[in-house]
Amino acid sequence: AQDEVFQVHWISLNNALQWVMNGDITDAKSAI
């Protein structure tokens, strides 16, 4: 939408797991 701003970043599941465990991803919905 005209007022919508977002960025897509493709990362591996292993990297995402590391980000959760390191505290880089902190919101519960994403971590779960």
PDB file of all heavy atoms in Angstrom:
ATOM      1  N   ALA A   1       0.857  -1.189   0.000  1.00  0.00           N
ATOM      2  CA  ALA A   1       0.000   0.000   0.000  1.00  0.00           C
ATOM      3  C   ALA A   1       0.890   1.235   0.000  1.00  0.00           C
ATOM      4  O   ALA A   1       2.072   1.178   0.348  1.00  0.00           O
ATOM      5  CB  ALA A   1      -0.905  -0.004   1.225  1.00  0.00           C
ATOM      6  N   GLN A   2       0.332   2.354  -0.367  1.00  0.00           N
ATOM      7  CA  GLN A   2       1.108   3.588  -0.516  1.00  0.00           C
ATOM      8  C   GLN A   2       1.839   3.977   0.771  1.00  0.00           C
ATOM      9  O   GLN A   2       2.972   4.448   0.734  1.00  0.00           O
ATOM     10  CB  GLN A   2       0.197   4.720  -0.964  1.00  0.00           C
ATOM     11  CG  GLN A   2       0.948   5.992  -1.312  1.00  0.00           C
ATOM     12  CD  GLN A   2       0.020   7.056  -1.870  1.00  0.00           C
ATOM     13  OE1 GLN A   2      -1.194   6.926  -1.815  1.00  0.00           O
ATOM     14  NE2 GLN A   2       0.588   8.108  -2.407  1.00  0.00           N
ATOM     15  N   ASP A   3       1.217   3.755   1.921  1.00  0.00           N
ATOM     16  CA  ASP A   3       1.829   4.152   3.190  1.00  0.00           C
ATOM     17  C   ASP A   3       2.527   2.992   3.903  1.00  0.00           C
ATOM     18  O   ASP A   3       2.933   3.108   5.045  1.00  0.00           O
ATOM     19  CB  ASP A   3       0.777   4.768   4.113  1.00  0.00           C
ATOM     20  CG  ASP A   3      -0.343   3.794   4.448  1.00  0.00           C
ATOM     21  OD1 ASP A   3      -0.501   2.795   3.732  1.00  0.00           O
ATOM     22  OD2 ASP A   3      -1.070   4.051   5.420  1.00  0.00           O
ATOM     23  N   GLU A   4       2.680   1.873   3.225  1.00  0.00           N
ATOM     24  CA  GLU A   4       3.266   0.680   3.828  1.00  0.00           C
ATOM     25  C   GLU A   4       4.743   0.567   3.445  1.00  0.00           C
ATOM     26  O   GLU A   4       5.111   0.710   2.289  1.00  0.00           O
ATOM     27  CB  GLU A   4       2.506  -0.549   3.341  1.00  0.00           C
ATOM     28  CG  GLU A   4       2.906  -1.833   3.987  1.00  0.00           C
ATOM     29  CD  GLU A   4       2.025  -2.978   3.531  1.00  0.00           C
ATOM     30  OE1 GLU A   4       1.602  -3.000   2.365  1.00  0.00           O
ATOM     31  OE2 GLU A   4       1.776  -3.865   4.350  1.00  0.00           O
ATOM     32  N   VAL A   5       5.572   0.317   4.450  1.00  0.00           N
ATOM     33  CA  VAL A   5       7.002   0.159   4.224  1.00  0.00           C
ATOM     34  C   VAL A   5       7.435  -1.151   4.872  1.00  0.00           C
ATOM     35  O   VAL A   5       7.170  -1.378   6.048  1.00  0.00           O
ATOM     36  CB  VAL A   5       7.803   1.331   4.833  1.00  0.00           C
ATOM     37  CG1 VAL A   5       9.288   1.121   4.652  1.00  0.00           C
ATOM     38  CG2 VAL A   5       7.356   2.652   4.239  1.00  0.00           C
ATOM     39  N   PHE A   6       8.063  -2.015   4.112  1.00  0.00           N
ATOM     40  CA  PHE A   6       8.594  -3.249   4.672  1.00  0.00           C
ATOM     41  C   PHE A   6       9.788  -3.702   3.854  1.00  0.00           C
ATOM     42  O   PHE A   6       9.962  -3.302   2.714  1.00  0.00           O
ATOM     43  CB  PHE A   6       7.543  -4.358   4.765  1.00  0.00           C
ATOM     44  CG  PHE A   6       6.967  -4.775   3.438  1.00  0.00           C
ATOM     45  CD1 PHE A   6       7.555  -5.777   2.694  1.00  0.00           C
ATOM     46  CD2 PHE A   6       5.823  -4.166   2.938  1.00  0.00           C
ATOM     47  CE1 PHE A   6       7.034  -6.159   1.474  1.00  0.00           C
ATOM     48  CE2 PHE A   6       5.289  -4.547   1.728  1.00  0.00           C
ATOM     49  CZ  PHE A   6       5.899  -5.547   0.990  1.00  0.00           C
ATOM     50  N   GLN A   7      10.611  -4.539   4.484  1.00  0.00           N
ATOM     51  CA  GLN A   7      11.774  -5.113   3.827  1.00  0.00           C
ATOM     52  C   GLN A   7      11.742  -6.614   4.034  1.00  0.00           C
ATOM     53  O   GLN A   7      11.386  -7.086   5.114  1.00  0.00           O
ATOM     54  CB  GLN A   7      13.069  -4.559   4.400  1.00  0.00           C
ATOM     55  CG  GLN A   7      13.276  -3.089   4.164  1.00  0.00           C
ATOM     56  CD  GLN A   7      14.575  -2.610   4.810  1.00  0.00           C
ATOM     57  OE1 GLN A   7      15.136  -3.260   5.682  1.00  0.00           O
ATOM     58  NE2 GLN A   7      15.048  -1.461   4.358  1.00  0.00           N
ATOM     59  N   VAL A   8      12.115  -7.362   3.024  1.00  0.00           N
ATOM     60  CA  VAL A   8      12.184  -8.811   3.110  1.00  0.00           C
ATOM     61  C   VAL A   8      13.652  -9.212   3.161  1.00  0.00           C
ATOM     62  O   VAL A   8      14.465  -8.738   2.367  1.00  0.00           O
ATOM     63  CB  VAL A   8      11.503  -9.475   1.893  1.00  0.00           C
ATOM     64  CG1 VAL A   8      11.663 -10.986   1.947  1.00  0.00           C
ATOM     65  CG2 VAL A   8      10.033  -9.085   1.837  1.00  0.00           C
ATOM     66  N   HIS A   9      13.982 -10.055   4.125  1.00  0.00           N
ATOM     67  CA  HIS A   9      15.339 -10.573   4.261  1.00  0.00           C
ATOM     68  C   HIS A   9      15.247 -12.096   4.297  1.00  0.00           C
ATOM     69  O   HIS A   9      14.609 -12.649   5.185  1.00  0.00           O
ATOM     70  CB  HIS A   9      16.001 -10.072   5.549  1.00  0.00           C
ATOM     71  CG  HIS A   9      16.136  -8.595   5.616  1.00  0.00           C
ATOM     72  ND1 HIS A   9      17.198  -7.920   5.064  1.00  0.00           N
ATOM     73  CD2 HIS A   9      15.333  -7.656   6.159  1.00  0.00           C
ATOM     74  CE1 HIS A   9      17.048  -6.631   5.263  1.00  0.00           C
ATOM     75  NE2 HIS A   9      15.922  -6.445   5.932  1.00  0.00           N
ATOM     76  N   TRP A  10      15.864 -12.756   3.349  1.00  0.00           N
ATOM     77  CA  TRP A  10      15.873 -14.214   3.295  1.00  0.00           C
ATOM     78  C   TRP A  10      17.056 -14.709   4.109  1.00  0.00           C
ATOM     79  O   TRP A  10      18.195 -14.360   3.832  1.00  0.00           O
ATOM     80  CB  TRP A  10      16.001 -14.695   1.861  1.00  0.00           C
ATOM     81  CG  TRP A  10      14.830 -14.338   1.004  1.00  0.00           C
ATOM     82  CD1 TRP A  10      14.594 -13.126   0.418  1.00  0.00           C
ATOM     83  CD2 TRP A  10      13.747 -15.170   0.640  1.00  0.00           C
ATOM     84  NE1 TRP A  10      13.420 -13.170  -0.289  1.00  0.00           N
ATOM     85  CE2 TRP A  10      12.875 -14.411  -0.182  1.00  0.00           C
ATOM     86  CE3 TRP A  10      13.422 -16.495   0.907  1.00  0.00           C
ATOM     87  CZ2 TRP A  10      11.707 -14.928  -0.719  1.00  0.00           C
ATOM     88  CZ3 TRP A  10      12.255 -17.007   0.365  1.00  0.00           C
ATOM     89  CH2 TRP A  10      11.411 -16.229  -0.424  1.00  0.00           C
ATOM     90  N   ILE A  11      16.775 -15.503   5.157  1.00  0.00           N
ATOM     91  CA  ILE A  11      17.845 -16.090   5.964  1.00  0.00           C
ATOM     92  C   ILE A  11      17.529 -17.564   6.180  1.00  0.00           C
ATOM     93  O   ILE A  11      16.377 -17.999   6.050  1.00  0.00           O
ATOM     94  CB  ILE A  11      18.012 -15.374   7.327  1.00  0.00           C
ATOM     95  CG1 ILE A  11      16.754 -15.525   8.185  1.00  0.00           C
ATOM     96  CG2 ILE A  11      18.381 -13.918   7.146  1.00  0.00           C
ATOM     97  CD1 ILE A  11      16.956 -15.129   9.629  1.00  0.00           C
ATOM     98  N   SER A  12      18.537 -18.316   6.536  1.00  0.00           N
ATOM     99  CA  SER A  12      18.331 -19.746   6.780  1.00  0.00           C
ATOM    100  C   SER A  12      17.626 -19.946   8.126  1.00  0.00           C
ATOM    101  O   SER A  12      17.676 -19.079   9.010  1.00  0.00           O
ATOM    102  CB  SER A  12      19.671 -20.473   6.797  1.00  0.00           C
ATOM    103  OG  SER A  12      20.413 -20.110   7.940  1.00  0.00           O
ATOM    104  N   LEU A  13      17.004 -21.094   8.265  1.00  0.00           N
ATOM    105  CA  LEU A  13      16.355 -21.423   9.530  1.00  0.00           C
ATOM    106  C   LEU A  13      17.387 -21.492  10.648  1.00  0.00           C
ATOM    107  O   LEU A  13      17.127 -21.040  11.766  1.00  0.00           O
ATOM    108  CB  LEU A  13      15.592 -22.746   9.414  1.00  0.00           C
ATOM    109  CG  LEU A  13      14.883 -23.242  10.666  1.00  0.00           C
ATOM    110  CD1 LEU A  13      13.906 -22.206  11.207  1.00  0.00           C
ATOM    111  CD2 LEU A  13      14.171 -24.557  10.385  1.00  0.00           C
ATOM    112  N   ASN A  14      18.561 -22.015  10.358  1.00  0.00           N
ATOM    113  CA  ASN A  14      19.605 -22.079  11.389  1.00  0.00           C
ATOM    114  C   ASN A  14      20.008 -20.691  11.865  1.00  0.00           C
ATOM    115  O   ASN A  14      20.225 -20.480  13.061  1.00  0.00           O
ATOM    116  CB  ASN A  14      20.828 -22.851  10.882  1.00  0.00           C
ATOM    117  CG  ASN A  14      20.575 -24.346  10.839  1.00  0.00           C
ATOM    118  OD1 ASN A  14      19.732 -24.865  11.563  1.00  0.00           O
ATOM    119  ND2 ASN A  14      21.294 -25.031   9.980  1.00  0.00           N
ATOM    120  N   ASN A  15      20.114 -19.736  10.945  1.00  0.00           N
ATOM    121  CA  ASN A  15      20.423 -18.364  11.355  1.00  0.00           C
ATOM    122  C   ASN A  15      19.297 -17.788  12.204  1.00  0.00           C
ATOM    123  O   ASN A  15      19.544 -17.115  13.205  1.00  0.00           O
ATOM    124  CB  ASN A  15      20.670 -17.460  10.144  1.00  0.00           C
ATOM    125  CG  ASN A  15      22.043 -17.627   9.558  1.00  0.00           C
ATOM    126  OD1 ASN A  15      22.896 -18.314  10.121  1.00  0.00           O
ATOM    127  ND2 ASN A  15      22.275 -17.020   8.412  1.00  0.00           N
ATOM    128  N   ALA A  16      18.059 -18.038  11.811  1.00  0.00           N
ATOM    129  CA  ALA A  16      16.915 -17.549  12.586  1.00  0.00           C
ATOM    130  C   ALA A  16      16.935 -18.141  13.992  1.00  0.00           C
ATOM    131  O   ALA A  16      16.677 -17.440  14.974  1.00  0.00           O
ATOM    132  CB  ALA A  16      15.610 -17.878  11.878  1.00  0.00           C
ATOM    133  N   LEU A  17      17.243 -19.430  14.101  1.00  0.00           N
ATOM    134  CA  LEU A  17      17.353 -20.062  15.423  1.00  0.00           C
ATOM    135  C   LEU A  17      18.435 -19.393  16.258  1.00  0.00           C
ATOM    136  O   LEU A  17      18.236 -19.139  17.451  1.00  0.00           O
ATOM    137  CB  LEU A  17      17.665 -21.551  15.276  1.00  0.00           C
ATOM    138  CG  LEU A  17      16.516 -22.458  14.874  1.00  0.00           C
ATOM    139  CD1 LEU A  17      17.044 -23.820  14.442  1.00  0.00           C
ATOM    140  CD2 LEU A  17      15.521 -22.589  16.003  1.00  0.00           C
ATOM    141  N   GLN A  18      19.565 -19.105  15.645  1.00  0.00           N
ATOM    142  CA  GLN A  18      20.637 -18.424  16.367  1.00  0.00           C
ATOM    143  C   GLN A  18      20.179 -17.056  16.847  1.00  0.00           C
ATOM    144  O   GLN A  18      20.492 -16.643  17.968  1.00  0.00           O
ATOM    145  CB  GLN A  18      21.875 -18.282  15.486  1.00  0.00           C
ATOM    146  CG  GLN A  18      22.599 -19.583  15.254  1.00  0.00           C
ATOM    147  CD  GLN A  18      23.768 -19.431  14.300  1.00  0.00           C
ATOM    148  OE1 GLN A  18      23.933 -18.404  13.636  1.00  0.00           O
ATOM    149  NE2 GLN A  18      24.585 -20.468  14.221  1.00  0.00           N
ATOM    150  N   TRP A  19      19.459 -16.324  15.999  1.00  0.00           N
ATOM    151  CA  TRP A  19      18.974 -14.995  16.380  1.00  0.00           C
ATOM    152  C   TRP A  19      18.017 -15.079  17.558  1.00  0.00           C
ATOM    153  O   TRP A  19      18.022 -14.225  18.439  1.00  0.00           O
ATOM    154  CB  TRP A  19      18.314 -14.301  15.199  1.00  0.00           C
ATOM    155  CG  TRP A  19      19.269 -13.882  14.114  1.00  0.00           C
ATOM    156  CD1 TRP A  19      20.624 -14.070  14.079  1.00  0.00           C
ATOM    157  CD2 TRP A  19      18.933 -13.213  12.911  1.00  0.00           C
ATOM    158  NE1 TRP A  19      21.143 -13.564  12.924  1.00  0.00           N
ATOM    159  CE2 TRP A  19      20.135 -13.028  12.180  1.00  0.00           C
ATOM    160  CE3 TRP A  19      17.745 -12.759  12.359  1.00  0.00           C
ATOM    161  CZ2 TRP A  19      20.165 -12.402  10.950  1.00  0.00           C
ATOM    162  CZ3 TRP A  19      17.786 -12.137  11.124  1.00  0.00           C
ATOM    163  CH2 TRP A  19      18.993 -11.951  10.431  1.00  0.00           C
ATOM    164  N   VAL A  20      17.159 -16.109  17.581  1.00  0.00           N
ATOM    165  CA  VAL A  20      16.249 -16.292  18.719  1.00  0.00           C
ATOM    166  C   VAL A  20      17.053 -16.565  19.981  1.00  0.00           C
ATOM    167  O   VAL A  20      16.852 -15.931  21.020  1.00  0.00           O
ATOM    168  CB  VAL A  20      15.243 -17.435  18.458  1.00  0.00           C
ATOM    169  CG1 VAL A  20      14.489 -17.805  19.728  1.00  0.00           C
ATOM    170  CG2 VAL A  20      14.265 -17.059  17.356  1.00  0.00           C
ATOM    171  N   MET A  21      17.984 -17.505  19.897  1.00  0.00           N
ATOM    172  CA  MET A  21      18.741 -17.910  21.080  1.00  0.00           C
ATOM    173  C   MET A  21      19.698 -16.821  21.555  1.00  0.00           C
ATOM    174  O   MET A  21      19.981 -16.732  22.754  1.00  0.00           O
ATOM    175  CB  MET A  21      19.509 -19.210  20.790  1.00  0.00           C
ATOM    176  CG  MET A  21      18.592 -20.387  20.429  1.00  0.00           C
ATOM    177  SD  MET A  21      17.219 -20.640  21.594  1.00  0.00           S
ATOM    178  CE  MET A  21      18.110 -21.175  23.034  1.00  0.00           C
ATOM    179  N   ASN A  22      20.165 -15.960  20.646  1.00  0.00           N
ATOM    180  CA  ASN A  22      21.056 -14.852  21.025  1.00  0.00           C
ATOM    181  C   ASN A  22      20.291 -13.641  21.547  1.00  0.00           C
ATOM    182  O   ASN A  22      20.898 -12.686  22.018  1.00  0.00           O
ATOM    183  CB  ASN A  22      21.911 -14.403  19.839  1.00  0.00           C
ATOM    184  CG  ASN A  22      22.912 -15.439  19.426  1.00  0.00           C
ATOM    185  OD1 ASN A  22      23.265 -16.319  20.199  1.00  0.00           O
ATOM    186  ND2 ASN A  22      23.377 -15.358  18.192  1.00  0.00           N
ATOM    187  N   GLY A  23      18.971 -13.647  21.400  1.00  0.00           N
ATOM    188  CA  GLY A  23      18.179 -12.506  21.837  1.00  0.00           C
ATOM    189  C   GLY A  23      18.048 -11.419  20.790  1.00  0.00           C
ATOM    190  O   GLY A  23      17.567 -10.336  21.083  1.00  0.00           O
ATOM    191  N   ASP A  24      18.493 -11.701  19.549  1.00  0.00           N
ATOM    192  CA  ASP A  24      18.336 -10.711  18.480  1.00  0.00           C
ATOM    193  C   ASP A  24      16.879 -10.632  18.009  1.00  0.00           C
ATOM    194  O   ASP A  24      16.433  -9.587  17.560  1.00  0.00           O
ATOM    195  CB  ASP A  24      19.240 -11.044  17.296  1.00  0.00           C
ATOM    196  CG  ASP A  24      20.717 -10.948  17.672  1.00  0.00           C
ATOM    197  OD1 ASP A  24      21.070 -10.044  18.450  1.00  0.00           O
ATOM    198  OD2 ASP A  24      21.500 -11.776  17.182  1.00  0.00           O
ATOM    199  N   ILE A  25      16.164 -11.734  18.079  1.00  0.00           N
ATOM    200  CA  ILE A  25      14.720 -11.753  17.818  1.00  0.00           C
ATOM    201  C   ILE A  25      14.069 -11.863  19.181  1.00  0.00           C
ATOM    202  O   ILE A  25      14.245 -12.852  19.892  1.00  0.00           O
ATOM    203  CB  ILE A  25      14.309 -12.927  16.913  1.00  0.00           C
ATOM    204  CG1 ILE A  25      14.912 -12.740  15.518  1.00  0.00           C
ATOM    205  CG2 ILE A  25      12.784 -13.049  16.845  1.00  0.00           C
ATOM    206  CD1 ILE A  25      14.634 -13.863  14.556  1.00  0.00           C
ATOM    207  N   THR A  26      13.290 -10.840  19.563  1.00  0.00           N
ATOM    208  CA  THR A  26      12.765 -10.789  20.929  1.00  0.00           C
ATOM    209  C   THR A  26      11.252 -10.888  21.024  1.00  0.00           C
ATOM    210  O   THR A  26      10.733 -11.112  22.115  1.00  0.00           O
ATOM    211  CB  THR A  26      13.212  -9.489  21.617  1.00  0.00           C
ATOM    212  OG1 THR A  26      12.756  -8.373  20.841  1.00  0.00           O
ATOM    213  CG2 THR A  26      14.726  -9.429  21.751  1.00  0.00           C
ATOM    214  N   ASP A  27      10.529 -10.713  19.916  1.00  0.00           N
ATOM    215  CA  ASP A  27       9.074 -10.799  20.065  1.00  0.00           C
ATOM    216  C   ASP A  27       8.651 -12.264  20.075  1.00  0.00           C
ATOM    217  O   ASP A  27       9.178 -13.099  19.336  1.00  0.00           O
ATOM    218  CB  ASP A  27       8.343  -9.999  18.974  1.00  0.00           C
ATOM    219  CG  ASP A  27       8.421 -10.638  17.616  1.00  0.00           C
ATOM    220  OD1 ASP A  27       9.459 -10.507  16.952  1.00  0.00           O
ATOM    221  OD2 ASP A  27       7.438 -11.296  17.231  1.00  0.00           O
ATOM    222  N   ALA A  28       7.733 -12.586  20.963  1.00  0.00           N
ATOM    223  CA  ALA A  28       7.351 -13.968  21.228  1.00  0.00           C
ATOM    224  C   ALA A  28       6.748 -14.658  20.016  1.00  0.00           C
ATOM    225  O   ALA A  28       7.024 -15.838  19.772  1.00  0.00           O
ATOM    226  CB  ALA A  28       6.379 -14.023  22.401  1.00  0.00           C
ATOM    227  N   LYS A  29       5.937 -13.950  19.231  1.00  0.00           N
ATOM    228  CA  LYS A  29       5.302 -14.590  18.064  1.00  0.00           C
ATOM    229  C   LYS A  29       6.349 -15.098  17.088  1.00  0.00           C
ATOM    230  O   LYS A  29       6.269 -16.228  16.614  1.00  0.00           O
ATOM    231  CB  LYS A  29       4.368 -13.613  17.357  1.00  0.00           C
ATOM    232  CG  LYS A  29       3.162 -13.192  18.164  1.00  0.00           C
ATOM    233  CD  LYS A  29       2.276 -12.248  17.393  1.00  0.00           C
ATOM    234  CE  LYS A  29       2.922 -10.973  16.959  1.00  0.00           C
ATOM    235  NZ  LYS A  29       3.350 -10.037  17.970  1.00  0.00           N
ATOM    236  N   SER A  30       7.342 -14.284  16.808  1.00  0.00           N
ATOM    237  CA  SER A  30       8.387 -14.687  15.867  1.00  0.00           C
ATOM    238  C   SER A  30       9.233 -15.819  16.440  1.00  0.00           C
ATOM    239  O   SER A  30       9.539 -16.787  15.739  1.00  0.00           O
ATOM    240  CB  SER A  30       9.281 -13.499  15.523  1.00  0.00           C
ATOM    241  OG  SER A  30       8.540 -12.500  14.873  1.00  0.00           O
ATOM    242  N   ALA A  31       9.609 -15.711  17.709  1.00  0.00           N
ATOM    243  CA  ALA A  31      10.436 -16.738  18.335  1.00  0.00           C
ATOM    244  C   ALA A  31       9.716 -18.086  18.348  1.00  0.00           C
ATOM    245  O   ALA A  31      10.302 -19.118  18.006  1.00  0.00           O
ATOM    246  CB  ALA A  31      10.816 -16.320  19.751  1.00  0.00           C
ATOM    247  N   ILE A  32       8.448 -18.083  18.711  1.00  0.00           N
ATOM    248  CA  ILE A  32       7.686 -19.329  18.745  1.00  0.00           C
ATOM    249  C   ILE A  32       7.550 -19.909  17.342  1.00  0.00           C
ATOM    250  O   ILE A  32       7.702 -21.120  17.134  1.00  0.00           O
ATOM    251  CB  ILE A  32       6.304 -19.102  19.386  1.00  0.00           C
ATOM    252  CG1 ILE A  32       6.483 -18.857  20.884  1.00  0.00           C
ATOM    253  CG2 ILE A  32       5.369 -20.279  19.126  1.00  0.00           C
ATOM    254  CD1 ILE A  32       5.240 -18.346  21.578  1.00  0.00           C
TER     255      ILE A  32
END
